[in-house]
PDBML (XML) file of the C-alpha atoms, coordinates in Angstrom:
<?xml version="1.0" encoding="UTF-8" ?>
<PDBx:datablock datablockName="MODEL"
   xmlns:PDBx="http://pdbml.pdb.org/schema/pdbx-v50.xsd"
   xmlns:xsi="http://www.w3.org/2001/XMLSchema-instance"
   xsi:schemaLocation="http://pdbml.pdb.org/schema/pdbx-v50.xsd pdbx-v50.xsd">
   <PDBx:atom_siteCategory>
      <PDBx:atom_site id="1">
         <PDBx:B_iso_or_equiv>0.00</PDBx:B_iso_or_equiv>
         <PDBx:Cartn_x>90.112</PDBx:Cartn_x>
         <PDBx:Cartn_y>-2.022</PDBx:Cartn_y>
         <PDBx:Cartn_z>120.782</PDBx:Cartn_z>
         <PDBx:auth_asym_id>A</PDBx:auth_asym_id>
         <PDBx:auth_atom_id>CA</PDBx:auth_atom_id>
         <PDBx:auth_comp_id>LEU</PDBx:auth_comp_id>
         <PDBx:auth_seq_id>1</PDBx:auth_seq_id>
         <PDBx:group_PDB>ATOM</PDBx:group_PDB>
         <PDBx:label_alt_id xsi:nil="true" />
         <PDBx:label_asym_id>A</PDBx:label_asym_id>
         <PDBx:label_atom_id>CA</PDBx:label_atom_id>
         <PDBx:label_comp_id>LEU</PDBx:label_comp_id>
         <PDBx:label_entity_id>1</PDBx:label_entity_id>
         <PDBx:label_seq_id>1</PDBx:label_seq_id>
         <PDBx:occupancy>1.00</PDBx:occupancy>
         <PDBx:pdbx_PDB_model_num>1</PDBx:pdbx_PDB_model_num>
         <PDBx:type_symbol>C</PDBx:type_symbol>
      </PDBx:atom_site>
      <PDBx:atom_site id="2">
         <PDBx:B_iso_or_equiv>0.00</PDBx:B_iso_or_equiv>
         <PDBx:Cartn_x>91.425</PDBx:Cartn_x>
         <PDBx:Cartn_y>1.022</PDBx:Cartn_y>
         <PDBx:Cartn_z>122.692</PDBx:Cartn_z>
         <PDBx:auth_asym_id>A</PDBx:auth_asym_id>
         <PDBx:auth_atom_id>CA</PDBx:auth_atom_id>
         <PDBx:auth_comp_id>SER</PDBx:auth_comp_id>
         <PDBx:auth_seq_id>2</PDBx:auth_seq_id>
         <PDBx:group_PDB>ATOM</PDBx:group_PDB>
         <PDBx:label_alt_id xsi:nil="true" />
         <PDBx:label_asym_id>A</PDBx:label_asym_id>
         <PDBx:label_atom_id>CA</PDBx:label_atom_id>
         <PDBx:label_comp_id>SER</PDBx:label_comp_id>
         <PDBx:label_entity_id>1</PDBx:label_entity_id>
         <PDBx:label_seq_id>2</PDBx:label_seq_id>
         <PDBx:occupancy>1.00</PDBx:occupancy>
         <PDBx:pdbx_PDB_model_num>1</PDBx:pdbx_PDB_model_num>
         <PDBx:type_symbol>C</PDBx:type_symbol>
      </PDBx:atom_site>
      <PDBx:atom_site id="3">
         <PDBx:B_iso_or_equiv>0.00</PDBx:B_iso_or_equiv>
         <PDBx:Cartn_x>94.977</PDBx:Cartn_x>
         <PDBx:Cartn_y>0.655</PDBx:Cartn_y>
         <PDBx:Cartn_z>123.934</PDBx:Cartn_z>
         <PDBx:auth_asym_id>A</PDBx:auth_asym_id>
         <PDBx:auth_atom_id>CA</PDBx:auth_atom_id>
         <PDBx:auth_comp_id>ALA</PDBx:auth_comp_id>
         <PDBx:auth_seq_id>3</PDBx:auth_seq_id>
         <PDBx:group_PDB>ATOM</PDBx:group_PDB>
         <PDBx:label_alt_id xsi:nil="true" />
         <PDBx:label_asym_id>A</PDBx:label_asym_id>
         <PDBx:label_atom_id>CA</PDBx:label_atom_id>
         <PDBx:label_comp_id>ALA</PDBx:label_comp_id>
         <PDBx:label_entity_id>1</PDBx:label_entity_id>
         <PDBx:label_seq_id>3</PDBx:label_seq_id>
         <PDBx:occupancy>1.00</PDBx:occupancy>
         <PDBx:pdbx_PDB_model_num>1</PDBx:pdbx_PDB_model_num>
         <PDBx:type_symbol>C</PDBx:type_symbol>
      </PDBx:atom_site>
      <PDBx:atom_site id="4">
         <PDBx:B_iso_or_equiv>0.00</PDBx:B_iso_or_equiv>
         <PDBx:Cartn_x>94.999</PDBx:Cartn_x>
         <PDBx:Cartn_y>3.732</PDBx:Cartn_y>
         <PDBx:Cartn_z>126.170</PDBx:Cartn_z>
         <PDBx:auth_asym_id>A</PDBx:auth_asym_id>
         <PDBx:auth_atom_id>CA</PDBx:auth_atom_id>
         <PDBx:auth_comp_id>SER</PDBx:auth_comp_id>
         <PDBx:auth_seq_id>4</PDBx:auth_seq_id>
         <PDBx:group_PDB>ATOM</PDBx:group_PDB>
         <PDBx:label_alt_id xsi:nil="true" />
         <PDBx:label_asym_id>A</PDBx:label_asym_id>
         <PDBx:label_atom_id>CA</PDBx:label_atom_id>
         <PDBx:label_comp_id>SER</PDBx:label_comp_id>
         <PDBx:label_entity_id>1</PDBx:label_entity_id>
         <PDBx:label_seq_id>4</PDBx:label_seq_id>
         <PDBx:occupancy>1.00</PDBx:occupancy>
         <PDBx:pdbx_PDB_model_num>1</PDBx:pdbx_PDB_model_num>
         <PDBx:type_symbol>C</PDBx:type_symbol>
      </PDBx:atom_site>
      <PDBx:atom_site id="5">
         <PDBx:B_iso_or_equiv>0.00</PDBx:B_iso_or_equiv>
         <PDBx:Cartn_x>92.528</PDBx:Cartn_x>
         <PDBx:Cartn_y>5.523</PDBx:Cartn_y>
         <PDBx:Cartn_z>128.401</PDBx:Cartn_z>
         <PDBx:auth_asym_id>A</PDBx:auth_asym_id>
         <PDBx:auth_atom_id>CA</PDBx:auth_atom_id>
         <PDBx:auth_comp_id>ILE</PDBx:auth_comp_id>
         <PDBx:auth_seq_id>5</PDBx:auth_seq_id>
         <PDBx:group_PDB>ATOM</PDBx:group_PDB>
         <PDBx:label_alt_id xsi:nil="true" />
         <PDBx:label_asym_id>A</PDBx:label_asym_id>
         <PDBx:label_atom_id>CA</PDBx:label_atom_id>
         <PDBx:label_comp_id>ILE</PDBx:label_comp_id>
         <PDBx:label_entity_id>1</PDBx:label_entity_id>
         <PDBx:label_seq_id>5</PDBx:label_seq_id>
         <PDBx:occupancy>1.00</PDBx:occupancy>
         <PDBx:pdbx_PDB_model_num>1</PDBx:pdbx_PDB_model_num>
         <PDBx:type_symbol>C</PDBx:type_symbol>
      </PDBx:atom_site>
      <PDBx:atom_site id="6">
         <PDBx:B_iso_or_equiv>0.00</PDBx:B_iso_or_equiv>
         <PDBx:Cartn_x>92.957</PDBx:Cartn_x>
         <PDBx:Cartn_y>8.727</PDBx:Cartn_y>
         <PDBx:Cartn_z>126.371</PDBx:Cartn_z>
         <PDBx:auth_asym_id>A</PDBx:auth_asym_id>
         <PDBx:auth_atom_id>CA</PDBx:auth_atom_id>
         <PDBx:auth_comp_id>GLU</PDBx:auth_comp_id>
         <PDBx:auth_seq_id>6</PDBx:auth_seq_id>
         <PDBx:group_PDB>ATOM</PDBx:group_PDB>
         <PDBx:label_alt_id xsi:nil="true" />
         <PDBx:label_asym_id>A</PDBx:label_asym_id>
         <PDBx:label_atom_id>CA</PDBx:label_atom_id>
         <PDBx:label_comp_id>GLU</PDBx:label_comp_id>
         <PDBx:label_entity_id>1</PDBx:label_entity_id>
         <PDBx:label_seq_id>6</PDBx:label_seq_id>
         <PDBx:occupancy>1.00</PDBx:occupancy>
         <PDBx:pdbx_PDB_model_num>1</PDBx:pdbx_PDB_model_num>
         <PDBx:type_symbol>C</PDBx:type_symbol>
      </PDBx:atom_site>
      <PDBx:atom_site id="7">
         <PDBx:B_iso_or_equiv>0.00</PDBx:B_iso_or_equiv>
         <PDBx:Cartn_x>91.894</PDBx:Cartn_x>
         <PDBx:Cartn_y>7.003</PDBx:Cartn_y>
         <PDBx:Cartn_z>123.151</PDBx:Cartn_z>
         <PDBx:auth_asym_id>A</PDBx:auth_asym_id>
         <PDBx:auth_atom_id>CA</PDBx:auth_atom_id>
         <PDBx:auth_comp_id>TRP</PDBx:auth_comp_id>
         <PDBx:auth_seq_id>7</PDBx:auth_seq_id>
         <PDBx:group_PDB>ATOM</PDBx:group_PDB>
         <PDBx:label_alt_id xsi:nil="true" />
         <PDBx:label_asym_id>A</PDBx:label_asym_id>
         <PDBx:label_atom_id>CA</PDBx:label_atom_id>
         <PDBx:label_comp_id>TRP</PDBx:label_comp_id>
         <PDBx:label_entity_id>1</PDBx:label_entity_id>
         <PDBx:label_seq_id>7</PDBx:label_seq_id>
         <PDBx:occupancy>1.00</PDBx:occupancy>
         <PDBx:pdbx_PDB_model_num>1</PDBx:pdbx_PDB_model_num>
         <PDBx:type_symbol>C</PDBx:type_symbol>
      </PDBx:atom_site>
      <PDBx:atom_site id="8">
         <PDBx:B_iso_or_equiv>0.00</PDBx:B_iso_or_equiv>
         <PDBx:Cartn_x>89.059</PDBx:Cartn_x>
         <PDBx:Cartn_y>5.222</PDBx:Cartn_y>
         <PDBx:Cartn_z>124.960</PDBx:Cartn_z>
         <PDBx:auth_asym_id>A</PDBx:auth_asym_id>
         <PDBx:auth_atom_id>CA</PDBx:auth_atom_id>
         <PDBx:auth_comp_id>PHE</PDBx:auth_comp_id>
         <PDBx:auth_seq_id>8</PDBx:auth_seq_id>
         <PDBx:group_PDB>ATOM</PDBx:group_PDB>
         <PDBx:label_alt_id xsi:nil="true" />
         <PDBx:label_asym_id>A</PDBx:label_asym_id>
         <PDBx:label_atom_id>CA</PDBx:label_atom_id>
         <PDBx:label_comp_id>PHE</PDBx:label_comp_id>
         <PDBx:label_entity_id>1</PDBx:label_entity_id>
         <PDBx:label_seq_id>8</PDBx:label_seq_id>
         <PDBx:occupancy>1.00</PDBx:occupancy>
         <PDBx:pdbx_PDB_model_num>1</PDBx:pdbx_PDB_model_num>
         <PDBx:type_symbol>C</PDBx:type_symbol>
      </PDBx:atom_site>
      <PDBx:atom_site id="9">
         <PDBx:B_iso_or_equiv>0.00</PDBx:B_iso_or_equiv>
         <PDBx:Cartn_x>87.692</PDBx:Cartn_x>
         <PDBx:Cartn_y>8.522</PDBx:Cartn_y>
         <PDBx:Cartn_z>126.269</PDBx:Cartn_z>
         <PDBx:auth_asym_id>A</PDBx:auth_asym_id>
         <PDBx:auth_atom_id>CA</PDBx:auth_atom_id>
         <PDBx:auth_comp_id>ASN</PDBx:auth_comp_id>
         <PDBx:auth_seq_id>9</PDBx:auth_seq_id>
         <PDBx:group_PDB>ATOM</PDBx:group_PDB>
         <PDBx:label_alt_id xsi:nil="true" />
         <PDBx:label_asym_id>A</PDBx:label_asym_id>
         <PDBx:label_atom_id>CA</PDBx:label_atom_id>
         <PDBx:label_comp_id>ASN</PDBx:label_comp_id>
         <PDBx:label_entity_id>1</PDBx:label_entity_id>
         <PDBx:label_seq_id>9</PDBx:label_seq_id>
         <PDBx:occupancy>1.00</PDBx:occupancy>
         <PDBx:pdbx_PDB_model_num>1</PDBx:pdbx_PDB_model_num>
         <PDBx:type_symbol>C</PDBx:type_symbol>
      </PDBx:atom_site>
      <PDBx:atom_site id="10">
         <PDBx:B_iso_or_equiv>0.00</PDBx:B_iso_or_equiv>
         <PDBx:Cartn_x>87.770</PDBx:Cartn_x>
         <PDBx:Cartn_y>10.065</PDBx:Cartn_y>
         <PDBx:Cartn_z>122.782</PDBx:Cartn_z>
         <PDBx:auth_asym_id>A</PDBx:auth_asym_id>
         <PDBx:auth_atom_id>CA</PDBx:auth_atom_id>
         <PDBx:auth_comp_id>ILE</PDBx:auth_comp_id>
         <PDBx:auth_seq_id>10</PDBx:auth_seq_id>
         <PDBx:group_PDB>ATOM</PDBx:group_PDB>
         <PDBx:label_alt_id xsi:nil="true" />
         <PDBx:label_asym_id>A</PDBx:label_asym_id>
         <PDBx:label_atom_id>CA</PDBx:label_atom_id>
         <PDBx:label_comp_id>ILE</PDBx:label_comp_id>
         <PDBx:label_entity_id>1</PDBx:label_entity_id>
         <PDBx:label_seq_id>10</PDBx:label_seq_id>
         <PDBx:occupancy>1.00</PDBx:occupancy>
         <PDBx:pdbx_PDB_model_num>1</PDBx:pdbx_PDB_model_num>
         <PDBx:type_symbol>C</PDBx:type_symbol>
      </PDBx:atom_site>
      <PDBx:atom_site id="11">
         <PDBx:B_iso_or_equiv>0.00</PDBx:B_iso_or_equiv>
         <PDBx:Cartn_x>85.875</PDBx:Cartn_x>
         <PDBx:Cartn_y>7.060</PDBx:Cartn_y>
         <PDBx:Cartn_z>121.439</PDBx:Cartn_z>
         <PDBx:auth_asym_id>A</PDBx:auth_asym_id>
         <PDBx:auth_atom_id>CA</PDBx:auth_atom_id>
         <PDBx:auth_comp_id>CYS</PDBx:auth_comp_id>
         <PDBx:auth_seq_id>11</PDBx:auth_seq_id>
         <PDBx:group_PDB>ATOM</PDBx:group_PDB>
         <PDBx:label_alt_id xsi:nil="true" />
         <PDBx:label_asym_id>A</PDBx:label_asym_id>
         <PDBx:label_atom_id>CA</PDBx:label_atom_id>
         <PDBx:label_comp_id>CYS</PDBx:label_comp_id>
         <PDBx:label_entity_id>1</PDBx:label_entity_id>
         <PDBx:label_seq_id>11</PDBx:label_seq_id>
         <PDBx:occupancy>1.00</PDBx:occupancy>
         <PDBx:pdbx_PDB_model_num>1</PDBx:pdbx_PDB_model_num>
         <PDBx:type_symbol>C</PDBx:type_symbol>
      </PDBx:atom_site>
      <PDBx:atom_site id="12">
         <PDBx:B_iso_or_equiv>0.00</PDBx:B_iso_or_equiv>
         <PDBx:Cartn_x>83.345</PDBx:Cartn_x>
         <PDBx:Cartn_y>7.397</PDBx:Cartn_y>
         <PDBx:Cartn_z>124.250</PDBx:Cartn_z>
         <PDBx:auth_asym_id>A</PDBx:auth_asym_id>
         <PDBx:auth_atom_id>CA</PDBx:auth_atom_id>
         <PDBx:auth_comp_id>ARG</PDBx:auth_comp_id>
         <PDBx:auth_seq_id>12</PDBx:auth_seq_id>
         <PDBx:group_PDB>ATOM</PDBx:group_PDB>
         <PDBx:label_alt_id xsi:nil="true" />
         <PDBx:label_asym_id>A</PDBx:label_asym_id>
         <PDBx:label_atom_id>CA</PDBx:label_atom_id>
         <PDBx:label_comp_id>ARG</PDBx:label_comp_id>
         <PDBx:label_entity_id>1</PDBx:label_entity_id>
         <PDBx:label_seq_id>12</PDBx:label_seq_id>
         <PDBx:occupancy>1.00</PDBx:occupancy>
         <PDBx:pdbx_PDB_model_num>1</PDBx:pdbx_PDB_model_num>
         <PDBx:type_symbol>C</PDBx:type_symbol>
      </PDBx:atom_site>
      <PDBx:atom_site id="13">
         <PDBx:B_iso_or_equiv>0.00</PDBx:B_iso_or_equiv>
         <PDBx:Cartn_x>82.553</PDBx:Cartn_x>
         <PDBx:Cartn_y>10.928</PDBx:Cartn_y>
         <PDBx:Cartn_z>123.080</PDBx:Cartn_z>
         <PDBx:auth_asym_id>A</PDBx:auth_asym_id>
         <PDBx:auth_atom_id>CA</PDBx:auth_atom_id>
         <PDBx:auth_comp_id>PHE</PDBx:auth_comp_id>
         <PDBx:auth_seq_id>13</PDBx:auth_seq_id>
         <PDBx:group_PDB>ATOM</PDBx:group_PDB>
         <PDBx:label_alt_id xsi:nil="true" />
         <PDBx:label_asym_id>A</PDBx:label_asym_id>
         <PDBx:label_atom_id>CA</PDBx:label_atom_id>
         <PDBx:label_comp_id>PHE</PDBx:label_comp_id>
         <PDBx:label_entity_id>1</PDBx:label_entity_id>
         <PDBx:label_seq_id>13</PDBx:label_seq_id>
         <PDBx:occupancy>1.00</PDBx:occupancy>
         <PDBx:pdbx_PDB_model_num>1</PDBx:pdbx_PDB_model_num>
         <PDBx:type_symbol>C</PDBx:type_symbol>
      </PDBx:atom_site>
      <PDBx:atom_site id="14">
         <PDBx:B_iso_or_equiv>0.00</PDBx:B_iso_or_equiv>
         <PDBx:Cartn_x>81.707</PDBx:Cartn_x>
         <PDBx:Cartn_y>9.633</PDBx:Cartn_y>
         <PDBx:Cartn_z>119.604</PDBx:Cartn_z>
         <PDBx:auth_asym_id>A</PDBx:auth_asym_id>
         <PDBx:auth_atom_id>CA</PDBx:auth_atom_id>
         <PDBx:auth_comp_id>PHE</PDBx:auth_comp_id>
         <PDBx:auth_seq_id>14</PDBx:auth_seq_id>
         <PDBx:group_PDB>ATOM</PDBx:group_PDB>
         <PDBx:label_alt_id xsi:nil="true" />
         <PDBx:label_asym_id>A</PDBx:label_asym_id>
         <PDBx:label_atom_id>CA</PDBx:label_atom_id>
         <PDBx:label_comp_id>PHE</PDBx:label_comp_id>
         <PDBx:label_entity_id>1</PDBx:label_entity_id>
         <PDBx:label_seq_id>14</PDBx:label_seq_id>
         <PDBx:occupancy>1.00</PDBx:occupancy>
         <PDBx:pdbx_PDB_model_num>1</PDBx:pdbx_PDB_model_num>
         <PDBx:type_symbol>C</PDBx:type_symbol>
      </PDBx:atom_site>
      <PDBx:atom_site id="15">
         <PDBx:B_iso_or_equiv>0.00</PDBx:B_iso_or_equiv>
         <PDBx:Cartn_x>79.802</PDBx:Cartn_x>
         <PDBx:Cartn_y>6.708</PDBx:Cartn_y>
         <PDBx:Cartn_z>121.099</PDBx:Cartn_z>
         <PDBx:auth_asym_id>A</PDBx:auth_asym_id>
         <PDBx:auth_atom_id>CA</PDBx:auth_atom_id>
         <PDBx:auth_comp_id>GLN</PDBx:auth_comp_id>
         <PDBx:auth_seq_id>15</PDBx:auth_seq_id>
         <PDBx:group_PDB>ATOM</PDBx:group_PDB>
         <PDBx:label_alt_id xsi:nil="true" />
         <PDBx:label_asym_id>A</PDBx:label_asym_id>
         <PDBx:label_atom_id>CA</PDBx:label_atom_id>
         <PDBx:label_comp_id>GLN</PDBx:label_comp_id>
         <PDBx:label_entity_id>1</PDBx:label_entity_id>
         <PDBx:label_seq_id>15</PDBx:label_seq_id>
         <PDBx:occupancy>1.00</PDBx:occupancy>
         <PDBx:pdbx_PDB_model_num>1</PDBx:pdbx_PDB_model_num>
         <PDBx:type_symbol>C</PDBx:type_symbol>
      </PDBx:atom_site>
      <PDBx:atom_site id="16">
         <PDBx:B_iso_or_equiv>0.00</PDBx:B_iso_or_equiv>
         <PDBx:Cartn_x>77.647</PDBx:Cartn_x>
         <PDBx:Cartn_y>9.176</PDBx:Cartn_y>
         <PDBx:Cartn_z>123.048</PDBx:Cartn_z>
         <PDBx:auth_asym_id>A</PDBx:auth_asym_id>
         <PDBx:auth_atom_id>CA</PDBx:auth_atom_id>
         <PDBx:auth_comp_id>GLY</PDBx:auth_comp_id>
         <PDBx:auth_seq_id>16</PDBx:auth_seq_id>
         <PDBx:group_PDB>ATOM</PDBx:group_PDB>
         <PDBx:label_alt_id xsi:nil="true" />
         <PDBx:label_asym_id>A</PDBx:label_asym_id>
         <PDBx:label_atom_id>CA</PDBx:label_atom_id>
         <PDBx:label_comp_id>GLY</PDBx:label_comp_id>
         <PDBx:label_entity_id>1</PDBx:label_entity_id>
         <PDBx:label_seq_id>16</PDBx:label_seq_id>
         <PDBx:occupancy>1.00</PDBx:occupancy>
         <PDBx:pdbx_PDB_model_num>1</PDBx:pdbx_PDB_model_num>
         <PDBx:type_symbol>C</PDBx:type_symbol>
      </PDBx:atom_site>
      <PDBx:atom_site id="17">
         <PDBx:B_iso_or_equiv>0.00</PDBx:B_iso_or_equiv>
         <PDBx:Cartn_x>77.334</PDBx:Cartn_x>
         <PDBx:Cartn_y>11.427</PDBx:Cartn_y>
         <PDBx:Cartn_z>119.986</PDBx:Cartn_z>
         <PDBx:auth_asym_id>A</PDBx:auth_asym_id>
         <PDBx:auth_atom_id>CA</PDBx:auth_atom_id>
         <PDBx:auth_comp_id>LEU</PDBx:auth_comp_id>
         <PDBx:auth_seq_id>17</PDBx:auth_seq_id>
         <PDBx:group_PDB>ATOM</PDBx:group_PDB>
         <PDBx:label_alt_id xsi:nil="true" />
         <PDBx:label_asym_id>A</PDBx:label_asym_id>
         <PDBx:label_atom_id>CA</PDBx:label_atom_id>
         <PDBx:label_comp_id>LEU</PDBx:label_comp_id>
         <PDBx:label_entity_id>1</PDBx:label_entity_id>
         <PDBx:label_seq_id>17</PDBx:label_seq_id>
         <PDBx:occupancy>1.00</PDBx:occupancy>
         <PDBx:pdbx_PDB_model_num>1</PDBx:pdbx_PDB_model_num>
         <PDBx:type_symbol>C</PDBx:type_symbol>
      </PDBx:atom_site>
      <PDBx:atom_site id="18">
         <PDBx:B_iso_or_equiv>0.00</PDBx:B_iso_or_equiv>
         <PDBx:Cartn_x>75.970</PDBx:Cartn_x>
         <PDBx:Cartn_y>8.502</PDBx:Cartn_y>
         <PDBx:Cartn_z>117.972</PDBx:Cartn_z>
         <PDBx:auth_asym_id>A</PDBx:auth_asym_id>
         <PDBx:auth_atom_id>CA</PDBx:auth_atom_id>
         <PDBx:auth_comp_id>ALA</PDBx:auth_comp_id>
         <PDBx:auth_seq_id>18</PDBx:auth_seq_id>
         <PDBx:group_PDB>ATOM</PDBx:group_PDB>
         <PDBx:label_alt_id xsi:nil="true" />
         <PDBx:label_asym_id>A</PDBx:label_asym_id>
         <PDBx:label_atom_id>CA</PDBx:label_atom_id>
         <PDBx:label_comp_id>ALA</PDBx:label_comp_id>
         <PDBx:label_entity_id>1</PDBx:label_entity_id>
         <PDBx:label_seq_id>18</PDBx:label_seq_id>
         <PDBx:occupancy>1.00</PDBx:occupancy>
         <PDBx:pdbx_PDB_model_num>1</PDBx:pdbx_PDB_model_num>
         <PDBx:type_symbol>C</PDBx:type_symbol>
      </PDBx:atom_site>
      <PDBx:atom_site id="19">
         <PDBx:B_iso_or_equiv>0.00</PDBx:B_iso_or_equiv>
         <PDBx:Cartn_x>73.738</PDBx:Cartn_x>
         <PDBx:Cartn_y>7.264</PDBx:Cartn_y>
         <PDBx:Cartn_z>120.785</PDBx:Cartn_z>
         <PDBx:auth_asym_id>A</PDBx:auth_asym_id>
         <PDBx:auth_atom_id>CA</PDBx:auth_atom_id>
         <PDBx:auth_comp_id>GLY</PDBx:auth_comp_id>
         <PDBx:auth_seq_id>19</PDBx:auth_seq_id>
         <PDBx:group_PDB>ATOM</PDBx:group_PDB>
         <PDBx:label_alt_id xsi:nil="true" />
         <PDBx:label_asym_id>A</PDBx:label_asym_id>
         <PDBx:label_atom_id>CA</PDBx:label_atom_id>
         <PDBx:label_comp_id>GLY</PDBx:label_comp_id>
         <PDBx:label_entity_id>1</PDBx:label_entity_id>
         <PDBx:label_seq_id>19</PDBx:label_seq_id>
         <PDBx:occupancy>1.00</PDBx:occupancy>
         <PDBx:pdbx_PDB_model_num>1</PDBx:pdbx_PDB_model_num>
         <PDBx:type_symbol>C</PDBx:type_symbol>
      </PDBx:atom_site>
      <PDBx:atom_site id="20">
         <PDBx:B_iso_or_equiv>0.00</PDBx:B_iso_or_equiv>
         <PDBx:Cartn_x>72.086</PDBx:Cartn_x>
         <PDBx:Cartn_y>10.685</PDBx:Cartn_y>
         <PDBx:Cartn_z>120.920</PDBx:Cartn_z>
         <PDBx:auth_asym_id>A</PDBx:auth_asym_id>
         <PDBx:auth_atom_id>CA</PDBx:auth_atom_id>
         <PDBx:auth_comp_id>ALA</PDBx:auth_comp_id>
         <PDBx:auth_seq_id>20</PDBx:auth_seq_id>
         <PDBx:group_PDB>ATOM</PDBx:group_PDB>
         <PDBx:label_alt_id xsi:nil="true" />
         <PDBx:label_asym_id>A</PDBx:label_asym_id>
         <PDBx:label_atom_id>CA</PDBx:label_atom_id>
         <PDBx:label_comp_id>ALA</PDBx:label_comp_id>
         <PDBx:label_entity_id>1</PDBx:label_entity_id>
         <PDBx:label_seq_id>20</PDBx:label_seq_id>
         <PDBx:occupancy>1.00</PDBx:occupancy>
         <PDBx:pdbx_PDB_model_num>1</PDBx:pdbx_PDB_model_num>
         <PDBx:type_symbol>C</PDBx:type_symbol>
      </PDBx:atom_site>
      <PDBx:atom_site id="21">
         <PDBx:B_iso_or_equiv>0.00</PDBx:B_iso_or_equiv>
         <PDBx:Cartn_x>70.275</PDBx:Cartn_x>
         <PDBx:Cartn_y>9.804</PDBx:Cartn_y>
         <PDBx:Cartn_z>117.711</PDBx:Cartn_z>
         <PDBx:auth_asym_id>A</PDBx:auth_asym_id>
         <PDBx:auth_atom_id>CA</PDBx:auth_atom_id>
         <PDBx:auth_comp_id>GLY</PDBx:auth_comp_id>
         <PDBx:auth_seq_id>21</PDBx:auth_seq_id>
         <PDBx:group_PDB>ATOM</PDBx:group_PDB>
         <PDBx:label_alt_id xsi:nil="true" />
         <PDBx:label_asym_id>A</PDBx:label_asym_id>
         <PDBx:label_atom_id>CA</PDBx:label_atom_id>
         <PDBx:label_comp_id>GLY</PDBx:label_comp_id>
         <PDBx:label_entity_id>1</PDBx:label_entity_id>
         <PDBx:label_seq_id>21</PDBx:label_seq_id>
         <PDBx:occupancy>1.00</PDBx:occupancy>
         <PDBx:pdbx_PDB_model_num>1</PDBx:pdbx_PDB_model_num>
         <PDBx:type_symbol>C</PDBx:type_symbol>
      </PDBx:atom_site>
      <PDBx:atom_site id="22">
         <PDBx:B_iso_or_equiv>0.00</PDBx:B_iso_or_equiv>
         <PDBx:Cartn_x>68.170</PDBx:Cartn_x>
         <PDBx:Cartn_y>7.330</PDBx:Cartn_y>
         <PDBx:Cartn_z>119.670</PDBx:Cartn_z>
         <PDBx:auth_asym_id>A</PDBx:auth_asym_id>
         <PDBx:auth_atom_id>CA</PDBx:auth_atom_id>
         <PDBx:auth_comp_id>GLY</PDBx:auth_comp_id>
         <PDBx:auth_seq_id>22</PDBx:auth_seq_id>
         <PDBx:group_PDB>ATOM</PDBx:group_PDB>
         <PDBx:label_alt_id xsi:nil="true" />
         <PDBx:label_asym_id>A</PDBx:label_asym_id>
         <PDBx:label_atom_id>CA</PDBx:label_atom_id>
         <PDBx:label_comp_id>GLY</PDBx:label_comp_id>
         <PDBx:label_entity_id>1</PDBx:label_entity_id>
         <PDBx:label_seq_id>22</PDBx:label_seq_id>
         <PDBx:occupancy>1.00</PDBx:occupancy>
         <PDBx:pdbx_PDB_model_num>1</PDBx:pdbx_PDB_model_num>
         <PDBx:type_symbol>C</PDBx:type_symbol>
      </PDBx:atom_site>
      <PDBx:atom_site id="23">
         <PDBx:B_iso_or_equiv>0.00</PDBx:B_iso_or_equiv>
         <PDBx:Cartn_x>67.045</PDBx:Cartn_x>
         <PDBx:Cartn_y>9.914</PDBx:Cartn_y>
         <PDBx:Cartn_z>122.231</PDBx:Cartn_z>
         <PDBx:auth_asym_id>A</PDBx:auth_asym_id>
         <PDBx:auth_atom_id>CA</PDBx:auth_atom_id>
         <PDBx:auth_comp_id>VAL</PDBx:auth_comp_id>
         <PDBx:auth_seq_id>23</PDBx:auth_seq_id>
         <PDBx:group_PDB>ATOM</PDBx:group_PDB>
         <PDBx:label_alt_id xsi:nil="true" />
         <PDBx:label_asym_id>A</PDBx:label_asym_id>
         <PDBx:label_atom_id>CA</PDBx:label_atom_id>
         <PDBx:label_comp_id>VAL</PDBx:label_comp_id>
         <PDBx:label_entity_id>1</PDBx:label_entity_id>
         <PDBx:label_seq_id>23</PDBx:label_seq_id>
         <PDBx:occupancy>1.00</PDBx:occupancy>
         <PDBx:pdbx_PDB_model_num>1</PDBx:pdbx_PDB_model_num>
         <PDBx:type_symbol>C</PDBx:type_symbol>
      </PDBx:atom_site>
      <PDBx:atom_site id="24">
         <PDBx:B_iso_or_equiv>0.00</PDBx:B_iso_or_equiv>
         <PDBx:Cartn_x>66.210</PDBx:Cartn_x>
         <PDBx:Cartn_y>12.740</PDBx:Cartn_y>
         <PDBx:Cartn_z>119.869</PDBx:Cartn_z>
         <PDBx:auth_asym_id>A</PDBx:auth_asym_id>
         <PDBx:auth_atom_id>CA</PDBx:auth_atom_id>
         <PDBx:auth_comp_id>VAL</PDBx:auth_comp_id>
         <PDBx:auth_seq_id>24</PDBx:auth_seq_id>
         <PDBx:group_PDB>ATOM</PDBx:group_PDB>
         <PDBx:label_alt_id xsi:nil="true" />
         <PDBx:label_asym_id>A</PDBx:label_asym_id>
         <PDBx:label_atom_id>CA</PDBx:label_atom_id>
         <PDBx:label_comp_id>VAL</PDBx:label_comp_id>
         <PDBx:label_entity_id>1</PDBx:label_entity_id>
         <PDBx:label_seq_id>24</PDBx:label_seq_id>
         <PDBx:occupancy>1.00</PDBx:occupancy>
         <PDBx:pdbx_PDB_model_num>1</PDBx:pdbx_PDB_model_num>
         <PDBx:type_symbol>C</PDBx:type_symbol>
      </PDBx:atom_site>
      <PDBx:atom_site id="25">
         <PDBx:B_iso_or_equiv>0.00</PDBx:B_iso_or_equiv>
         <PDBx:Cartn_x>64.666</PDBx:Cartn_x>
         <PDBx:Cartn_y>10.701</PDBx:Cartn_y>
         <PDBx:Cartn_z>117.056</PDBx:Cartn_z>
         <PDBx:auth_asym_id>A</PDBx:auth_asym_id>
         <PDBx:auth_atom_id>CA</PDBx:auth_atom_id>
         <PDBx:auth_comp_id>LEU</PDBx:auth_comp_id>
         <PDBx:auth_seq_id>25</PDBx:auth_seq_id>
         <PDBx:group_PDB>ATOM</PDBx:group_PDB>
         <PDBx:label_alt_id xsi:nil="true" />
         <PDBx:label_asym_id>A</PDBx:label_asym_id>
         <PDBx:label_atom_id>CA</PDBx:label_atom_id>
         <PDBx:label_comp_id>LEU</PDBx:label_comp_id>
         <PDBx:label_entity_id>1</PDBx:label_entity_id>
         <PDBx:label_seq_id>25</PDBx:label_seq_id>
         <PDBx:occupancy>1.00</PDBx:occupancy>
         <PDBx:pdbx_PDB_model_num>1</PDBx:pdbx_PDB_model_num>
         <PDBx:type_symbol>C</PDBx:type_symbol>
      </PDBx:atom_site>
   </PDBx:atom_siteCategory>
</PDBx:datablock>
């Protein structure tokens, strides 16, 4: 739903943060 690249990049950080659970766990 991102309307700008800046917002998209912020959301990508949190997407990676959440995805890290899969690697570590």
